Amino acid sequence: HGTSTGLNDLYETMAIKEVFGAKAYDIPVSSIKAAIGHTLSAGGALE
């Protein structure tokens, strides 16, 4: 989801570590919102 807000990026990172454990460090995690902006209700489809 990677919104570039303080809480989202921190909590999403924590959630990924919680779900994937040590594997989290091997998985590429990217936010395309830095390229196309936060497209709100289009975001789910575009992402």
All heavy atoms as atom14 arrays in JSON, in Angstrom:
{
  "sequence": "HGTSTGLNDLYETMAIKEVFGAKAYDIPVSSIKAAIGHTLSAGGALE",
  "atom14_mask": [
    [1, 1, 1, 1, 1, 1, 1, 1, 1, 1, 0, 0, 0, 0],
    [1, 1, 1, 1, 0, 0, 0, 0, 0, 0, 0, 0, 0, 0],
    [1, 1, 1, 1, 1, 1, 1, 0, 0, 0, 0, 0, 0, 0],
    [1, 1, 1, 1, 1, 1, 0, 0, 0, 0, 0, 0, 0, 0],
    [1, 1, 1, 1, 1, 1, 1, 0, 0, 0, 0, 0, 0, 0],
    [1, 1, 1, 1, 0, 0, 0, 0, 0, 0, 0, 0, 0, 0],
    [1, 1, 1, 1, 1, 1, 1, 1, 0, 0, 0, 0, 0, 0],
    [1, 1, 1, 1, 1, 1, 1, 1, 0, 0, 0, 0, 0, 0],
    [1, 1, 1, 1, 1, 1, 1, 1, 0, 0, 0, 0, 0, 0],
    [1, 1, 1, 1, 1, 1, 1, 1, 0, 0, 0, 0, 0, 0],
    [1, 1, 1, 1, 1, 1, 1, 1, 1, 1, 1, 1, 0, 0],
    [1, 1, 1, 1, 1, 1, 1, 1, 1, 0, 0, 0, 0, 0],
    [1, 1, 1, 1, 1, 1, 1, 0, 0, 0, 0, 0, 0, 0],
    [1, 1, 1, 1, 1, 1, 1, 1, 0, 0, 0, 0, 0, 0],
    [1, 1, 1, 1, 1, 0, 0, 0, 0, 0, 0, 0, 0, 0],
    [1, 1, 1, 1, 1, 1, 1, 1, 0, 0, 0, 0, 0, 0],
    [1, 1, 1, 1, 1, 1, 1, 1, 1, 0, 0, 0, 0, 0],
    [1, 1, 1, 1, 1, 1, 1, 1, 1, 0, 0, 0, 0, 0],
    [1, 1, 1, 1, 1, 1, 1, 0, 0, 0, 0, 0, 0, 0],
    [1, 1, 1, 1, 1, 1, 1, 1, 1, 1, 1, 0, 0, 0],
    [1, 1, 1, 1, 0, 0, 0, 0, 0, 0, 0, 0, 0, 0],
    [1, 1, 1, 1, 1, 0, 0, 0, 0, 0, 0, 0, 0, 0],
    [1, 1, 1, 1, 1, 1, 1, 1, 1, 0, 0, 0, 0, 0],
    [1, 1, 1, 1, 1, 0, 0, 0, 0, 0, 0, 0, 0, 0],
    [1, 1, 1, 1, 1, 1, 1, 1, 1, 1, 1, 1, 0, 0],
    [1, 1, 1, 1, 1, 1, 1, 1, 0, 0, 0, 0, 0, 0],
    [1, 1, 1, 1, 1, 1, 1, 1, 0, 0, 0, 0, 0, 0],
    [1, 1, 1, 1, 1, 1, 1, 0, 0, 0, 0, 0, 0, 0],
    [1, 1, 1, 1, 1, 1, 1, 0, 0, 0, 0, 0, 0, 0],
    [1, 1, 1, 1, 1, 1, 0, 0, 0, 0, 0, 0, 0, 0],
    [1, 1, 1, 1, 1, 1, 0, 0, 0, 0, 0, 0, 0, 0],
    [1, 1, 1, 1, 1, 1, 1, 1, 0, 0, 0, 0, 0, 0],
    [1, 1, 1, 1, 1, 1, 1, 1, 1, 0, 0, 0, 0, 0],
    [1, 1, 1, 1, 1, 0, 0, 0, 0, 0, 0, 0, 0, 0],
    [1, 1, 1, 1, 1, 0, 0, 0, 0, 0, 0, 0, 0, 0],
    [1, 1, 1, 1, 1, 1, 1, 1, 0, 0, 0, 0, 0, 0],
    [1, 1, 1, 1, 0, 0, 0, 0, 0, 0, 0, 0, 0, 0],
    [1, 1, 1, 1, 1, 1, 1, 1, 1, 1, 0, 0, 0, 0],
    [1, 1, 1, 1, 1, 1, 1, 0, 0, 0, 0, 0, 0, 0],
    [1, 1, 1, 1, 1, 1, 1, 1, 0, 0, 0, 0, 0, 0],
    [1, 1, 1, 1, 1, 1, 0, 0, 0, 0, 0, 0, 0, 0],
    [1, 1, 1, 1, 1, 0, 0, 0, 0, 0, 0, 0, 0, 0],
    [1, 1, 1, 1, 0, 0, 0, 0, 0, 0, 0, 0, 0, 0],
    [1, 1, 1, 1, 0, 0, 0, 0, 0, 0, 0, 0, 0, 0],
    [1, 1, 1, 1, 1, 0, 0, 0, 0, 0, 0, 0, 0, 0],
    [1, 1, 1, 1, 1, 1, 1, 1, 0, 0, 0, 0, 0, 0],
    [1, 1, 1, 1, 1, 1, 1, 1, 1, 0, 0, 0, 0, 0]
  ],
  "atom14_positions": [
    [[0.86, -1.19, 0.0], [0.0, 0.0, 0.0], [0.9, 1.24, 0.0], [0.65, 2.18, -0.73], [-0.92, -0.03, 1.22], [-1.98, 1.02, 1.2], [-2.85, 1.19, 0.15], [-2.31, 1.99, 2.11], [-3.67, 2.2, 0.41], [-3.36, 2.7, 1.58], [0.0, 0.0, 0.0], [0.0, 0.0, 0.0], [0.0, 0.0, 0.0], [0.0, 0.0, 0.0]],
    [[1.94, 1.23, 0.82], [3.06, 2.17, 0.74], [2.7, 3.61, 0.44], [3.12, 4.16, -0.58], [0.0, 0.0, 0.0], [0.0, 0.0, 0.0], [0.0, 0.0, 0.0], [0.0, 0.0, 0.0], [0.0, 0.0, 0.0], [0.0, 0.0, 0.0], [0.0, 0.0, 0.0], [0.0, 0.0, 0.0], [0.0, 0.0, 0.0], [0.0, 0.0, 0.0]],
    [[1.98, 4.26, 1.34], [1.46, 5.6, 1.05], [2.46, 6.73, 1.25], [2.19, 7.86, 0.89], [0.24, 5.91, 1.92], [0.6, 5.77, 3.29], [-0.92, 4.99, 1.58], [0.0, 0.0, 0.0], [0.0, 0.0, 0.0], [0.0, 0.0, 0.0], [0.0, 0.0, 0.0], [0.0, 0.0, 0.0], [0.0, 0.0, 0.0], [0.0, 0.0, 0.0]],
    [[3.6, 6.46, 1.88], [4.57, 7.5, 2.22], [4.13, 8.31, 3.43], [4.63, 9.41, 3.66], [4.84, 8.43, 1.02], [5.98, 9.23, 1.24], [0.0, 0.0, 0.0], [0.0, 0.0, 0.0], [0.0, 0.0, 0.0], [0.0, 0.0, 0.0], [0.0, 0.0, 0.0], [0.0, 0.0, 0.0], [0.0, 0.0, 0.0], [0.0, 0.0, 0.0]],
    [[3.21, 7.76, 4.21], [2.84, 8.38, 5.48], [3.6, 7.68, 6.6], [4.01, 6.53, 6.46], [1.33, 8.28, 5.75], [0.93, 6.91, 5.72], [0.54, 9.06, 4.7], [0.0, 0.0, 0.0], [0.0, 0.0, 0.0], [0.0, 0.0, 0.0], [0.0, 0.0, 0.0], [0.0, 0.0, 0.0], [0.0, 0.0, 0.0], [0.0, 0.0, 0.0]],
    [[3.77, 8.4, 7.7], [4.56, 7.85, 8.81], [4.06, 6.53, 9.32], [4.8, 5.55, 9.43], [0.0, 0.0, 0.0], [0.0, 0.0, 0.0], [0.0, 0.0, 0.0], [0.0, 0.0, 0.0], [0.0, 0.0, 0.0], [0.0, 0.0, 0.0], [0.0, 0.0, 0.0], [0.0, 0.0, 0.0], [0.0, 0.0, 0.0], [0.0, 0.0, 0.0]],
    [[2.76, 6.45, 9.64], [2.22, 5.23, 10.25], [2.03, 4.11, 9.26], [2.35, 2.95, 9.54], [0.89, 5.54, 10.95], [0.97, 6.31, 12.26], [-0.42, 6.48, 12.87], [1.89, 5.63, 13.27], [0.0, 0.0, 0.0], [0.0, 0.0, 0.0], [0.0, 0.0, 0.0], [0.0, 0.0, 0.0], [0.0, 0.0, 0.0], [0.0, 0.0, 0.0]],
    [[1.51, 4.39, 8.05], [1.28, 3.3, 7.1], [2.56, 2.54, 6.81], [2.61, 1.31, 6.89], [0.69, 3.79, 5.79], [0.53, 2.65, 4.78], [-0.52, 2.02, 4.7], [1.57, 2.35, 4.04], [0.0, 0.0, 0.0], [0.0, 0.0, 0.0], [0.0, 0.0, 0.0], [0.0, 0.0, 0.0], [0.0, 0.0, 0.0], [0.0, 0.0, 0.0]],
    [[3.61, 3.26, 6.45], [4.84, 2.58, 6.01], [5.48, 1.8, 7.15], [6.02, 0.7, 6.94], [5.82, 3.6, 5.45], [5.31, 4.25, 4.15], [4.15, 4.0, 3.78], [6.08, 5.0, 3.54], [0.0, 0.0, 0.0], [0.0, 0.0, 0.0], [0.0, 0.0, 0.0], [0.0, 0.0, 0.0], [0.0, 0.0, 0.0], [0.0, 0.0, 0.0]],
    [[5.41, 2.35, 8.35], [5.95, 1.65, 9.52], [5.13, 0.4, 9.83], [5.67, -0.71, 9.96], [5.98, 2.57, 10.73], [6.34, 1.91, 12.06], [7.75, 1.32, 12.03], [6.19, 2.91, 13.21], [0.0, 0.0, 0.0], [0.0, 0.0, 0.0], [0.0, 0.0, 0.0], [0.0, 0.0, 0.0], [0.0, 0.0, 0.0], [0.0, 0.0, 0.0]],
    [[3.82, 0.56, 9.91], [2.97, -0.56, 10.29], [2.89, -1.62, 9.2], [2.81, -2.82, 9.49], [1.56, -0.06, 10.65], [1.47, 0.68, 11.96], [0.31, 1.36, 12.31], [2.54, 0.72, 12.85], [0.2, 2.04, 13.52], [2.46, 1.4, 14.06], [1.29, 2.07, 14.38], [1.19, 2.74, 15.58], [0.0, 0.0, 0.0], [0.0, 0.0, 0.0]],
    [[2.94, -1.21, 7.94], [2.92, -2.21, 6.88], [4.2, -3.03, 6.9], [4.18, -4.25, 6.69], [2.72, -1.55, 5.51], [2.48, -2.56, 4.39], [2.0, -1.93, 3.1], [2.05, -0.69, 2.96], [1.55, -2.69, 2.21], [0.0, 0.0, 0.0], [0.0, 0.0, 0.0], [0.0, 0.0, 0.0], [0.0, 0.0, 0.0], [0.0, 0.0, 0.0]],
    [[5.32, -2.38, 7.17], [6.59, -3.11, 7.31], [6.51, -4.09, 8.47], [6.93, -5.25, 8.36], [7.75, -2.12, 7.51], [7.89, -1.32, 6.33], [9.05, -2.85, 7.77], [0.0, 0.0, 0.0], [0.0, 0.0, 0.0], [0.0, 0.0, 0.0], [0.0, 0.0, 0.0], [0.0, 0.0, 0.0], [0.0, 0.0, 0.0], [0.0, 0.0, 0.0]],
    [[5.98, -3.64, 9.6], [5.83, -4.52, 10.77], [4.92, -5.7, 10.44], [5.19, -6.84, 10.85], [5.28, -3.73, 11.95], [6.22, -2.65, 12.49], [5.46, -1.59, 13.76], [5.31, -2.75, 15.13], [0.0, 0.0, 0.0], [0.0, 0.0, 0.0], [0.0, 0.0, 0.0], [0.0, 0.0, 0.0], [0.0, 0.0, 0.0], [0.0, 0.0, 0.0]],
    [[3.84, -5.43, 9.7], [2.9, -6.49, 9.34], [3.55, -7.52, 8.42], [3.35, -8.74, 8.58], [1.67, -5.89, 8.67], [0.0, 0.0, 0.0], [0.0, 0.0, 0.0], [0.0, 0.0, 0.0], [0.0, 0.0, 0.0], [0.0, 0.0, 0.0], [0.0, 0.0, 0.0], [0.0, 0.0, 0.0], [0.0, 0.0, 0.0], [0.0, 0.0, 0.0]],
    [[4.35, -7.06, 7.47], [5.04, -7.98, 6.55], [5.99, -8.87, 7.33], [6.07, -10.09, 7.11], [5.77, -7.18, 5.46], [4.76, -6.54, 4.5], [6.74, -8.08, 4.68], [5.35, -5.52, 3.55], [0.0, 0.0, 0.0], [0.0, 0.0, 0.0], [0.0, 0.0, 0.0], [0.0, 0.0, 0.0], [0.0, 0.0, 0.0], [0.0, 0.0, 0.0]],
    [[6.73, -8.3, 8.28], [7.64, -9.1, 9.11], [6.87, -10.11, 9.96], [7.31, -11.25, 10.17], [8.47, -8.18, 9.99], [9.48, -7.33, 9.24], [10.24, -6.42, 10.2], [11.25, -5.56, 9.49], [11.98, -4.65, 10.41], [0.0, 0.0, 0.0], [0.0, 0.0, 0.0], [0.0, 0.0, 0.0], [0.0, 0.0, 0.0], [0.0, 0.0, 0.0]],
    [[5.7, -9.69, 10.44], [4.9, -10.58, 11.27], [4.39, -11.78, 10.47], [4.42, -12.92, 10.95], [3.71, -9.79, 11.85], [2.7, -10.62, 12.61], [3.22, -11.24, 13.89], [4.2, -10.71, 14.46], [2.67, -12.27, 14.33], [0.0, 0.0, 0.0], [0.0, 0.0, 0.0], [0.0, 0.0, 0.0], [0.0, 0.0, 0.0], [0.0, 0.0, 0.0]],
    [[3.97, -11.53, 9.24], [3.39, -12.6, 8.42], [4.47, -13.5, 7.82], [4.32, -14.72, 7.79], [2.51, -12.0, 7.3], [2.06, -13.09, 6.32], [1.3, -11.29, 7.89], [0.0, 0.0, 0.0], [0.0, 0.0, 0.0], [0.0, 0.0, 0.0], [0.0, 0.0, 0.0], [0.0, 0.0, 0.0], [0.0, 0.0, 0.0], [0.0, 0.0, 0.0]],
    [[5.57, -12.9, 7.36], [6.56, -13.65, 6.58], [7.82, -14.02, 7.36], [8.65, -14.78, 6.86], [6.93, -12.86, 5.32], [5.77, -12.66, 4.39], [5.02, -11.49, 4.44], [5.4, -13.65, 3.5], [3.94, -11.31, 3.59], [4.32, -13.48, 2.66], [3.58, -12.3, 2.7], [0.0, 0.0, 0.0], [0.0, 0.0, 0.0], [0.0, 0.0, 0.0]],
    [[7.97, -13.5, 8.58], [9.12, -13.85, 9.39], [10.43, -13.49, 8.69], [10.55, -12.46, 8.03], [0.0, 0.0, 0.0], [0.0, 0.0, 0.0], [0.0, 0.0, 0.0], [0.0, 0.0, 0.0], [0.0, 0.0, 0.0], [0.0, 0.0, 0.0], [0.0, 0.0, 0.0], [0.0, 0.0, 0.0], [0.0, 0.0, 0.0], [0.0, 0.0, 0.0]],
    [[11.43, -14.36, 8.81], [12.74, -14.1, 8.2], [12.65, -14.01, 6.68], [13.47, -13.33, 6.05], [13.72, -15.21, 8.6], [0.0, 0.0, 0.0], [0.0, 0.0, 0.0], [0.0, 0.0, 0.0], [0.0, 0.0, 0.0], [0.0, 0.0, 0.0], [0.0, 0.0, 0.0], [0.0, 0.0, 0.0], [0.0, 0.0, 0.0], [0.0, 0.0, 0.0]],
    [[11.66, -14.66, 6.08], [11.45, -14.62, 4.63], [11.19, -13.19, 4.13], [11.45, -12.86, 2.97], [10.28, -15.53, 4.26], [9.71, -15.38, 2.87], [10.56, -15.99, 1.79], [9.84, -15.96, 0.46], [10.64, -16.49, -0.66], [0.0, 0.0, 0.0], [0.0, 0.0, 0.0], [0.0, 0.0, 0.0], [0.0, 0.0, 0.0], [0.0, 0.0, 0.0]],
    [[10.69, -12.31, 5.02], [10.36, -10.94, 4.63], [11.55, -10.22, 4.01], [11.38, -9.38, 3.12], [9.84, -10.16, 5.84], [0.0, 0.0, 0.0], [0.0, 0.0, 0.0], [0.0, 0.0, 0.0], [0.0, 0.0, 0.0], [0.0, 0.0, 0.0], [0.0, 0.0, 0.0], [0.0, 0.0, 0.0], [0.0, 0.0, 0.0], [0.0, 0.0, 0.0]],
    [[12.75, -10.56, 4.47], [13.95, -9.87, 3.98], [14.35, -10.33, 2.58], [15.17, -9.69, 1.93], [15.09, -10.08, 4.96], [14.85, -9.38, 6.28], [14.25, -10.04, 7.35], [15.19, -8.04, 6.45], [14.0, -9.39, 8.54], [14.95, -7.38, 7.65], [14.35, -8.06, 8.69], [14.1, -7.41, 9.88], [0.0, 0.0, 0.0], [0.0, 0.0, 0.0]],
    [[13.74, -11.42, 2.11], [14.05, -11.93, 0.77], [13.03, -11.51, -0.28], [13.22, -11.78, -1.46], [14.11, -13.47, 0.79], [15.19, -13.99, 1.73], [16.23, -13.33, 1.85], [14.96, -15.05, 2.35], [0.0, 0.0, 0.0], [0.0, 0.0, 0.0], [0.0, 0.0, 0.0], [0.0, 0.0, 0.0], [0.0, 0.0, 0.0], [0.0, 0.0, 0.0]],
    [[11.95, -10.87, 0.17], [10.85, -10.53, -0.74], [10.95, -9.07, -1.17], [10.95, -8.18, -0.31], [9.48, -10.76, -0.07], [9.34, -12.19, 0.45], [8.35, -10.45, -1.06], [8.07, -12.43, 1.27], [0.0, 0.0, 0.0], [0.0, 0.0, 0.0], [0.0, 0.0, 0.0], [0.0, 0.0, 0.0], [0.0, 0.0, 0.0], [0.0, 0.0, 0.0]],
    [[11.04, -8.77, -2.46], [10.98, -7.38, -2.9], [9.62, -6.77, -2.53], [8.58, -7.39, -2.77], [11.14, -7.46, -4.42], [11.71, -8.81, -4.69], [11.21, -9.7, -3.59], [0.0, 0.0, 0.0], [0.0, 0.0, 0.0], [0.0, 0.0, 0.0], [0.0, 0.0, 0.0], [0.0, 0.0, 0.0], [0.0, 0.0, 0.0], [0.0, 0.0, 0.0]],
    [[9.66, -5.6, -1.93], [8.45, -4.88, -1.5], [8.52, -3.48, -2.11], [9.44, -2.73, -1.78], [8.37, -4.77, 0.03], [7.12, -3.98, 0.44], [8.39, -6.13, 0.7], [0.0, 0.0, 0.0], [0.0, 0.0, 0.0], [0.0, 0.0, 0.0], [0.0, 0.0, 0.0], [0.0, 0.0, 0.0], [0.0, 0.0, 0.0], [0.0, 0.0, 0.0]],
    [[7.61, -3.14, -2.99], [7.7, -1.79, -3.56], [6.36, -1.09, -3.56], [5.3, -1.71, -3.53], [8.25, -1.84, -4.99], [7.38, -2.49, -5.89], [0.0, 0.0, 0.0], [0.0, 0.0, 0.0], [0.0, 0.0, 0.0], [0.0, 0.0, 0.0], [0.0, 0.0, 0.0], [0.0, 0.0, 0.0], [0.0, 0.0, 0.0], [0.0, 0.0, 0.0]],
    [[6.43, 0.24, -3.57], [5.24, 1.08, -3.67], [5.31, 1.87, -4.96], [6.23, 2.68, -5.15], [5.14, 2.03, -2.49], [4.1, 2.97, -2.7], [0.0, 0.0, 0.0], [0.0, 0.0, 0.0], [0.0, 0.0, 0.0], [0.0, 0.0, 0.0], [0.0, 0.0, 0.0], [0.0, 0.0, 0.0], [0.0, 0.0, 0.0], [0.0, 0.0, 0.0]],
    [[4.33, 1.68, -5.84], [4.31, 2.42, -7.1], [3.63, 3.78, -6.94], [3.54, 4.54, -7.9], [3.65, 1.61, -8.22], [2.18, 1.31, -7.9], [4.42, 0.32, -8.47], [1.42, 0.69, -9.06], [0.0, 0.0, 0.0], [0.0, 0.0, 0.0], [0.0, 0.0, 0.0], [0.0, 0.0, 0.0], [0.0, 0.0, 0.0], [0.0, 0.0, 0.0]],
    [[3.2, 4.09, -5.73], [2.56, 5.4, -5.5], [3.54, 6.55, -5.67], [3.11, 7.69, -5.87], [1.93, 5.43, -4.12], [0.67, 4.56, -3.99], [0.05, 4.66, -2.61], [-1.29, 3.95, -2.55], [-1.19, 2.48, -2.62], [0.0, 0.0, 0.0], [0.0, 0.0, 0.0], [0.0, 0.0, 0.0], [0.0, 0.0, 0.0], [0.0, 0.0, 0.0]],
    [[4.84, 6.28, -5.6], [5.82, 7.33, -5.85], [5.9, 7.65, -7.34], [6.46, 8.69, -7.72], [7.19, 6.92, -5.32], [0.0, 0.0, 0.0], [0.0, 0.0, 0.0], [0.0, 0.0, 0.0], [0.0, 0.0, 0.0], [0.0, 0.0, 0.0], [0.0, 0.0, 0.0], [0.0, 0.0, 0.0], [0.0, 0.0, 0.0], [0.0, 0.0, 0.0]],
    [[5.35, 6.79, -8.17], [5.35, 7.03, -9.63], [4.03, 7.58, -10.12], [4.0, 8.54, -10.9], [5.67, 5.73, -10.37], [0.0, 0.0, 0.0], [0.0, 0.0, 0.0], [0.0, 0.0, 0.0], [0.0, 0.0, 0.0], [0.0, 0.0, 0.0], [0.0, 0.0, 0.0], [0.0, 0.0, 0.0], [0.0, 0.0, 0.0], [0.0, 0.0, 0.0]],
    [[2.91, 7.0, -9.67], [1.59, 7.38, -10.19], [0.74, 8.11, -9.17], [-0.4, 8.48, -9.46], [0.82, 6.16, -10.73], [0.51, 5.17, -9.6], [1.59, 5.49, -11.85], [-0.45, 4.05, -10.01], [0.0, 0.0, 0.0], [0.0, 0.0, 0.0], [0.0, 0.0, 0.0], [0.0, 0.0, 0.0], [0.0, 0.0, 0.0], [0.0, 0.0, 0.0]],
    [[1.28, 8.34, -7.97], [0.49, 8.97, -6.93], [-0.44, 7.97, -6.27], [-0.52, 6.79, -6.65], [0.0, 0.0, 0.0], [0.0, 0.0, 0.0], [0.0, 0.0, 0.0], [0.0, 0.0, 0.0], [0.0, 0.0, 0.0], [0.0, 0.0, 0.0], [0.0, 0.0, 0.0], [0.0, 0.0, 0.0], [0.0, 0.0, 0.0], [0.0, 0.0, 0.0]],
    [[-1.16, 8.44, -5.27], [-2.14, 7.6, -4.59], [-3.45, 7.73, -5.37], [-4.13, 8.76, -5.3], [-2.32, 8.08, -3.15], [-3.1, 7.14, -2.29], [-3.88, 6.12, -2.81], [-3.23, 7.06, -0.94], [-4.44, 5.47, -1.81], [-4.08, 6.02, -0.67], [0.0, 0.0, 0.0], [0.0, 0.0, 0.0], [0.0, 0.0, 0.0], [0.0, 0.0, 0.0]],
    [[-3.78, 6.71, -6.12], [-4.94, 6.77, -7.01], [-6.24, 6.33, -6.33], [-7.22, 5.98, -7.0], [-4.69, 5.93, -8.28], [-4.31, 4.61, -7.91], [-3.6, 6.56, -9.14], [0.0, 0.0, 0.0], [0.0, 0.0, 0.0], [0.0, 0.0, 0.0], [0.0, 0.0, 0.0], [0.0, 0.0, 0.0], [0.0, 0.0, 0.0], [0.0, 0.0, 0.0]],
    [[-6.24, 6.32, -5.01], [-7.45, 6.13, -4.23], [-8.25, 4.91, -4.69], [-7.73, 3.8, -4.66], [-8.28, 7.42, -4.26], [-7.53, 8.68, -3.79], [-8.42, 9.92, -3.89], [-7.0, 8.53, -2.37], [0.0, 0.0, 0.0], [0.0, 0.0, 0.0], [0.0, 0.0, 0.0], [0.0, 0.0, 0.0], [0.0, 0.0, 0.0], [0.0, 0.0, 0.0]],
    [[-9.49, 5.09, -5.14], [-10.3, 3.9, -5.45], [-9.9, 3.19, -6.73], [-10.44, 2.12, -7.03], [-11.79, 4.27, -5.49], [-12.05, 5.37, -6.33], [0.0, 0.0, 0.0], [0.0, 0.0, 0.0], [0.0, 0.0, 0.0], [0.0, 0.0, 0.0], [0.0, 0.0, 0.0], [0.0, 0.0, 0.0], [0.0, 0.0, 0.0], [0.0, 0.0, 0.0]],
    [[-8.95, 3.75, -7.49], [-8.4, 3.02, -8.64], [-7.17, 2.21, -8.23], [-6.7, 1.36, -8.99], [-8.02, 3.99, -9.76], [0.0, 0.0, 0.0], [0.0, 0.0, 0.0], [0.0, 0.0, 0.0], [0.0, 0.0, 0.0], [0.0, 0.0, 0.0], [0.0, 0.0, 0.0], [0.0, 0.0, 0.0], [0.0, 0.0, 0.0], [0.0, 0.0, 0.0]],
    [[-6.64, 2.48, -7.04], [-5.37, 1.89, -6.64], [-5.34, 0.37, -6.64], [-4.37, -0.24, -7.09], [0.0, 0.0, 0.0], [0.0, 0.0, 0.0], [0.0, 0.0, 0.0], [0.0, 0.0, 0.0], [0.0, 0.0, 0.0], [0.0, 0.0, 0.0], [0.0, 0.0, 0.0], [0.0, 0.0, 0.0], [0.0, 0.0, 0.0], [0.0, 0.0, 0.0]],
    [[-6.39, -0.25, -6.14], [-6.42, -1.71, -6.09], [-6.25, -2.34, -7.46], [-5.49, -3.29, -7.64], [0.0, 0.0, 0.0], [0.0, 0.0, 0.0], [0.0, 0.0, 0.0], [0.0, 0.0, 0.0], [0.0, 0.0, 0.0], [0.0, 0.0, 0.0], [0.0, 0.0, 0.0], [0.0, 0.0, 0.0], [0.0, 0.0, 0.0], [0.0, 0.0, 0.0]],
    [[-6.95, -1.8, -8.47], [-6.86, -2.35, -9.83], [-5.51, -2.03, -10.46], [-4.88, -2.91, -11.07], [-7.99, -1.79, -10.68], [0.0, 0.0, 0.0], [0.0, 0.0, 0.0], [0.0, 0.0, 0.0], [0.0, 0.0, 0.0], [0.0, 0.0, 0.0], [0.0, 0.0, 0.0], [0.0, 0.0, 0.0], [0.0, 0.0, 0.0], [0.0, 0.0, 0.0]],
    [[-5.05, -0.78, -10.34], [-3.78, -0.41, -10.97], [-2.6, -1.14, -10.34], [-1.65, -1.54, -11.03], [-3.58, 1.1, -10.88], [-4.49, 1.94, -11.78], [-4.36, 3.43, -11.45], [-4.18, 1.69, -13.25], [0.0, 0.0, 0.0], [0.0, 0.0, 0.0], [0.0, 0.0, 0.0], [0.0, 0.0, 0.0], [0.0, 0.0, 0.0], [0.0, 0.0, 0.0]],
    [[-2.64, -1.35, -9.04], [-1.56, -2.06, -8.37], [-1.65, -3.57, -8.62], [-0.63, -4.25, -8.66], [-1.55, -1.68, -6.89], [-1.15, -0.2, -6.74], [-1.42, 0.39, -5.36], [-1.57, -0.38, -4.39], [-1.46, 1.63, -5.27], [0.0, 0.0, 0.0], [0.0, 0.0, 0.0], [0.0, 0.0, 0.0], [0.0, 0.0, 0.0], [0.0, 0.0, 0.0]]
  ]
}
